[in-house]
Every structure is written in structure tokens, then in C-alpha cells.
Amino acid sequence: MLDQTVKFEDVSAETIAMEDVQFEDADQFTLDMEHWNDMMDELGVNSIWSIYDGGRMSPDARIFSKKMRKVTYEFVRPDATLEEIEADLRDGGKRASAEVSAWAIDGTVKCLWLAADSCIKQSGTHHSYIEDFQIQEDGTVSLTTGS
């Protein structure tokens, strides 16, 4: 992980290309983001973890209880018409929406991230930031994304 310290005057092109480099003047948020980016690479996912209120967590850190959960993701269909979207905004309908799902084997960061990544890929949207998971009354987990 981040175990080397490099001063800017010492940085070569090779050093810049190195993984696991920590610069002395990096703030905590930057270091936390680097942690999540490293995990993204380790898991081989394309989506970006954007839930930072938990600080740095391992892939095995448990967010929800240890049981299989269906992760659902509702999004606006790419082929939705303006009329459908406007009607949905007026009456709360879901004419312009579609839903995809994937299973998280357990409630760990790793399993939830993998399920979220699958949902995002299935949706075909440009939203790639995982912003929240909410347990619903039926026990499913609703994914919220951003771009």
C-alpha cells in the first residue's frame, strides 16, 4: 500500500509511474482516495467507491450483516423520451425507468462493490460513482450512483 515517501524535487518519471507512492504534502482525503483507487484495481472493477464516511476499510469490512443480498439499481433508460421523463416527474411514475440487479454474497465492501459494478455495467449508464447503499423493507439493497 502507501509505504514510500517521495519529495517533489526527487520525483523522476519512473517514480511518478510507480504505484504505492505517498507524497509528504498529501492530505488525508487524498490518501483515503488513493486507498480506494488501489482497492478498485485489486478488485478489477470499473466503478468508483464514493462512500468516504467510513474512512479506509478493507475489502472484507462488513457494512451489512453476513447474508446474501440482492442489490438493485433503478435508472433512467437511455431510450426514455422527454415526455416519459416529464410525466414521471409530475406523477412519480416509472415509465422512463428500468431496474437491474446483482447478488452480493455477503455484506462486505468487496461483495457490495462487485454487485454494484455489475449493476452499473448492466444499466449501460455513464454513472460510475457508488454513492450509497440503502436496505429496503423487502431486504434488498438499493444502489445510488453519481457521475
C-alpha atoms as a PDB file:
ATOM      1  CA  MET A   1       0.000   0.000   0.000  1.00  0.00           C
ATOM      2  CA  LEU A   2       1.273   3.552   0.609  1.00  0.00           C
ATOM      3  CA  ASP A   3       4.629   2.960   2.237  1.00  0.00           C
ATOM      4  CA  GLN A   4       7.141   5.243   0.497  1.00  0.00           C
ATOM      5  CA  THR A   5       7.619   8.955   0.913  1.00  0.00           C
ATOM      6  CA  VAL A   6       8.940  10.973  -2.013  1.00  0.00           C
ATOM      7  CA  LYS A   7       9.753  14.670  -2.055  1.00  0.00           C
ATOM      8  CA  PHE A   8       8.739  16.513  -5.196  1.00  0.00           C
ATOM      9  CA  GLU A   9      12.292  17.571  -6.028  1.00  0.00           C
ATOM     10  CA  ASP A  10      13.246  13.848  -6.064  1.00  0.00           C
ATOM     11  CA  VAL A  11      10.491  12.752  -8.441  1.00  0.00           C
ATOM     12  CA  SER A  12      11.547  11.190 -11.729  1.00  0.00           C
ATOM     13  CA  ALA A  13       9.304   9.907 -14.494  1.00  0.00           C
ATOM     14  CA  GLU A  14       9.849   6.388 -13.174  1.00  0.00           C
ATOM     15  CA  THR A  15       8.789   7.415  -9.661  1.00  0.00           C
ATOM     16  CA  ILE A  16       5.659   9.130 -10.934  1.00  0.00           C
ATOM     17  CA  ALA A  17       4.699   5.906 -12.699  1.00  0.00           C
ATOM     18  CA  MET A  18       5.272   3.822  -9.544  1.00  0.00           C
ATOM     19  CA  GLU A  19       2.378   2.514  -7.524  1.00  0.00           C
ATOM     20  CA  ASP A  20       2.327   2.856  -3.754  1.00  0.00           C
ATOM     21  CA  VAL A  21       3.972   6.275  -3.575  1.00  0.00           C
ATOM     22  CA  GLN A  22       2.924   8.684  -0.858  1.00  0.00           C
ATOM     23  CA  PHE A  23       3.821  12.345  -1.151  1.00  0.00           C
ATOM     24  CA  GLU A  24       4.595  14.252   2.040  1.00  0.00           C
ATOM     25  CA  ASP A  25       2.081  17.021   1.416  1.00  0.00           C
ATOM     26  CA  ALA A  26      -0.920  14.804   0.581  1.00  0.00           C
ATOM     27  CA  ASP A  27      -3.941  15.496   2.783  1.00  0.00           C
ATOM     28  CA  GLN A  28      -5.975  12.745   4.449  1.00  0.00           C
ATOM     29  CA  PHE A  29      -8.739  12.826   1.838  1.00  0.00           C
ATOM     30  CA  THR A  30      -6.190  12.314  -0.950  1.00  0.00           C
ATOM     31  CA  LEU A  31      -4.640   9.394   0.922  1.00  0.00           C
ATOM     32  CA  ASP A  32      -8.090   7.868   1.503  1.00  0.00           C
ATOM     33  CA  MET A  33      -8.946   8.223  -2.199  1.00  0.00           C
ATOM     34  CA  GLU A  34      -5.660   6.520  -3.080  1.00  0.00           C
ATOM     35  CA  HIS A  35      -6.644   3.657  -0.754  1.00  0.00           C
ATOM     36  CA  TRP A  36      -9.984   3.204  -2.577  1.00  0.00           C
ATOM     37  CA  ASN A  37      -8.312   3.519  -6.001  1.00  0.00           C
ATOM     38  CA  ASP A  38      -5.849   0.782  -5.026  1.00  0.00           C
ATOM     39  CA  MET A  39      -8.751  -1.436  -3.949  1.00  0.00           C
ATOM     40  CA  MET A  40     -10.581  -0.698  -7.207  1.00  0.00           C
ATOM     41  CA  ASP A  41      -7.551  -2.009  -9.098  1.00  0.00           C
ATOM     42  CA  GLU A  42      -7.245  -5.057  -6.820  1.00  0.00           C
ATOM     43  CA  LEU A  43     -10.907  -5.971  -7.361  1.00  0.00           C
ATOM     44  CA  GLY A  44     -10.735  -5.341 -11.101  1.00  0.00           C
ATOM     45  CA  VAL A  45     -13.821  -3.128 -11.153  1.00  0.00           C
ATOM     46  CA  ASN A  46     -14.542  -0.012 -13.198  1.00  0.00           C
ATOM     47  CA  SER A  47     -16.911   1.682 -10.773  1.00  0.00           C
ATOM     48  CA  ILE A  48     -15.576   4.158  -8.215  1.00  0.00           C
ATOM     49  CA  TRP A  49     -16.260   3.848  -4.486  1.00  0.00           C
ATOM     50  CA  SER A  50     -17.511   7.249  -3.372  1.00  0.00           C
ATOM     51  CA  ILE A  51     -18.646   6.425   0.175  1.00  0.00           C
ATOM     52  CA  TYR A  52     -15.950   8.039   2.265  1.00  0.00           C
ATOM     53  CA  ASP A  53     -17.679   8.474   5.625  1.00  0.00           C
ATOM     54  CA  GLY A  54     -16.418   5.047   6.690  1.00  0.00           C
ATOM     55  CA  GLY A  55     -12.798   6.083   6.189  1.00  0.00           C
ATOM     56  CA  ARG A  56     -10.436   3.403   4.966  1.00  0.00           C
ATOM     57  CA  MET A  57     -11.881  -0.095   5.128  1.00  0.00           C
ATOM     58  CA  SER A  58     -10.570  -3.431   3.960  1.00  0.00           C
ATOM     59  CA  PRO A  59     -12.412  -5.354   1.230  1.00  0.00           C
ATOM     60  CA  ASP A  60     -13.582  -7.740   3.969  1.00  0.00           C
ATOM     61  CA  ALA A  61     -15.032  -4.997   6.186  1.00  0.00           C
ATOM     62  CA  ARG A  62     -18.697  -5.723   6.834  1.00  0.00           C
ATOM     63  CA  ILE A  63     -21.191  -2.958   6.010  1.00  0.00           C
ATOM     64  CA  PHE A  64     -24.295  -5.141   6.335  1.00  0.00           C
ATOM     65  CA  SER A  65     -24.933  -8.449   8.082  1.00  0.00           C
ATOM     66  CA  LYS A  66     -23.366 -11.635   6.767  1.00  0.00           C
ATOM     67  CA  LYS A  67     -26.036 -12.839   4.379  1.00  0.00           C
ATOM     68  CA  MET A  68     -26.661 -12.809   0.659  1.00  0.00           C
ATOM     69  CA  ARG A  69     -28.466  -9.702  -0.544  1.00  0.00           C
ATOM     70  CA  LYS A  70     -29.947  -8.660  -3.842  1.00  0.00           C
ATOM     71  CA  VAL A  71     -28.578  -5.270  -4.914  1.00  0.00           C
ATOM     72  CA  THR A  72     -30.956  -3.323  -7.157  1.00  0.00           C
ATOM     73  CA  TYR A  73     -30.266  -0.277  -9.286  1.00  0.00           C
ATOM     74  CA  GLU A  74     -33.013   1.835 -10.804  1.00  0.00           C
ATOM     75  CA  PHE A  75     -32.004   4.217 -13.567  1.00  0.00           C
ATOM     76  CA  VAL A  76     -33.484   6.271 -16.381  1.00  0.00           C
ATOM     77  CA  ARG A  77     -33.484   4.202 -19.564  1.00  0.00           C
ATOM     78  CA  PRO A  78     -31.205   5.547 -22.301  1.00  0.00           C
ATOM     79  CA  ASP A  79     -34.145   5.358 -24.748  1.00  0.00           C
ATOM     80  CA  ALA A  80     -36.594   7.159 -22.448  1.00  0.00           C
ATOM     81  CA  THR A  81     -38.422  10.012 -24.124  1.00  0.00           C
ATOM     82  CA  LEU A  82     -38.651  13.507 -22.732  1.00  0.00           C
ATOM     83  CA  GLU A  83     -42.399  13.023 -22.430  1.00  0.00           C
ATOM     84  CA  GLU A  84     -41.910   9.906 -20.255  1.00  0.00           C
ATOM     85  CA  ILE A  85     -39.402  11.680 -18.030  1.00  0.00           C
ATOM     86  CA  GLU A  86     -41.620  14.748 -17.617  1.00  0.00           C
ATOM     87  CA  ALA A  87     -44.678  12.591 -16.858  1.00  0.00           C
ATOM     88  CA  ASP A  88     -42.683  10.648 -14.241  1.00  0.00           C
ATOM     89  CA  LEU A  89     -41.567  13.891 -12.627  1.00  0.00           C
ATOM     90  CA  ARG A  90     -45.173  15.102 -12.483  1.00  0.00           C
ATOM     91  CA  ASP A  91     -46.793  11.977 -11.058  1.00  0.00           C
ATOM     92  CA  GLY A  92     -43.979   9.890  -9.584  1.00  0.00           C
ATOM     93  CA  GLY A  93     -44.395   7.199 -12.223  1.00  0.00           C
ATOM     94  CA  LYS A  94     -41.655   4.967 -13.537  1.00  0.00           C
ATOM     95  CA  ARG A  95     -42.314   4.959 -17.277  1.00  0.00           C
ATOM     96  CA  ALA A  96     -38.775   6.164 -18.056  1.00  0.00           C
ATOM     97  CA  SER A  97     -37.100   3.835 -15.555  1.00  0.00           C
ATOM     98  CA  ALA A  98     -35.592   0.384 -15.682  1.00  0.00           C
ATOM     99  CA  GLU A  99     -34.092  -1.761 -12.941  1.00  0.00           C
ATOM    100  CA  VAL A 100     -31.214  -4.218 -12.909  1.00  0.00           C
ATOM    101  CA  SER A 101     -29.898  -6.349 -10.083  1.00  0.00           C
ATOM    102  CA  ALA A 102     -26.984  -8.467  -8.918  1.00  0.00           C
ATOM    103  CA  TRP A 103     -26.306 -10.558  -5.835  1.00  0.00           C
ATOM    104  CA  ALA A 104     -23.862  -9.651  -3.085  1.00  0.00           C
ATOM    105  CA  ILE A 105     -22.695 -12.887  -1.443  1.00  0.00           C
ATOM    106  CA  ASP A 106     -22.448 -11.103   1.900  1.00  0.00           C
ATOM    107  CA  GLY A 107     -22.407  -7.591   3.324  1.00  0.00           C
ATOM    108  CA  THR A 108     -18.703  -6.879   2.832  1.00  0.00           C
ATOM    109  CA  VAL A 109     -17.268  -3.929   0.928  1.00  0.00           C
ATOM    110  CA  LYS A 110     -15.879  -6.332  -1.684  1.00  0.00           C
ATOM    111  CA  CYS A 111     -19.163  -8.158  -2.360  1.00  0.00           C
ATOM    112  CA  LEU A 112     -21.260  -4.998  -2.392  1.00  0.00           C
ATOM    113  CA  TRP A 113     -18.764  -3.290  -4.720  1.00  0.00           C
ATOM    114  CA  LEU A 114     -18.747  -6.247  -7.122  1.00  0.00           C
ATOM    115  CA  ALA A 115     -22.564  -6.350  -7.189  1.00  0.00           C
ATOM    116  CA  ALA A 116     -22.764  -2.574  -7.695  1.00  0.00           C
ATOM    117  CA  ASP A 117     -20.221  -2.759 -10.506  1.00  0.00           C
ATOM    118  CA  SER A 118     -22.326  -5.456 -12.198  1.00  0.00           C
ATOM    119  CA  CYS A 119     -25.485  -3.333 -11.879  1.00  0.00           C
ATOM    120  CA  ILE A 120     -23.742  -0.284 -13.332  1.00  0.00           C
ATOM    121  CA  LYS A 121     -22.439  -2.308 -16.291  1.00  0.00           C
ATOM    122  CA  GLN A 122     -25.878  -3.835 -16.901  1.00  0.00           C
ATOM    123  CA  SER A 123     -27.505  -0.402 -16.904  1.00  0.00           C
ATOM    124  CA  GLY A 124     -25.249   0.984 -19.625  1.00  0.00           C
ATOM    125  CA  THR A 125     -25.346   4.421 -17.995  1.00  0.00           C
ATOM    126  CA  HIS A 126     -22.384   6.760 -17.549  1.00  0.00           C
ATOM    127  CA  HIS A 127     -22.853   6.799 -13.772  1.00  0.00           C
ATOM    128  CA  SER A 128     -19.827   5.122 -12.243  1.00  0.00           C
ATOM    129  CA  TYR A 129     -19.605   6.522  -8.696  1.00  0.00           C
ATOM    130  CA  ILE A 130     -21.041   4.300  -5.949  1.00  0.00           C
ATOM    131  CA  GLU A 131     -22.552   6.814  -3.533  1.00  0.00           C
ATOM    132  CA  ASP A 132     -24.842   4.844  -1.240  1.00  0.00           C
ATOM    133  CA  PHE A 133     -26.495   1.540  -0.370  1.00  0.00           C
ATOM    134  CA  GLN A 134     -29.865   1.514   1.419  1.00  0.00           C
ATOM    135  CA  ILE A 135     -31.585  -1.579   2.779  1.00  0.00           C
ATOM    136  CA  GLN A 136     -35.213  -1.640   1.653  1.00  0.00           C
ATOM    137  CA  GLU A 137     -38.226  -3.039   3.530  1.00  0.00           C
ATOM    138  CA  ASP A 138     -38.118  -6.214   1.423  1.00  0.00           C
ATOM    139  CA  GLY A 139     -34.452  -6.821   2.372  1.00  0.00           C
ATOM    140  CA  THR A 140     -32.957  -5.810  -0.959  1.00  0.00           C
ATOM    141  CA  VAL A 141     -30.220  -3.212  -1.103  1.00  0.00           C
ATOM    142  CA  SER A 142     -30.821  -0.168  -3.298  1.00  0.00           C
ATOM    143  CA  LEU A 143     -27.754   1.278  -5.023  1.00  0.00           C
ATOM    144  CA  THR A 144     -27.360   5.028  -5.543  1.00  0.00           C
ATOM    145  CA  THR A 145     -24.822   6.261  -8.076  1.00  0.00           C
ATOM    146  CA  GLY A 146     -23.459   9.518  -9.409  1.00  0.00           C
ATOM    147  CA  SER A 147     -21.304  10.587 -12.312  1.00  0.00           C
END
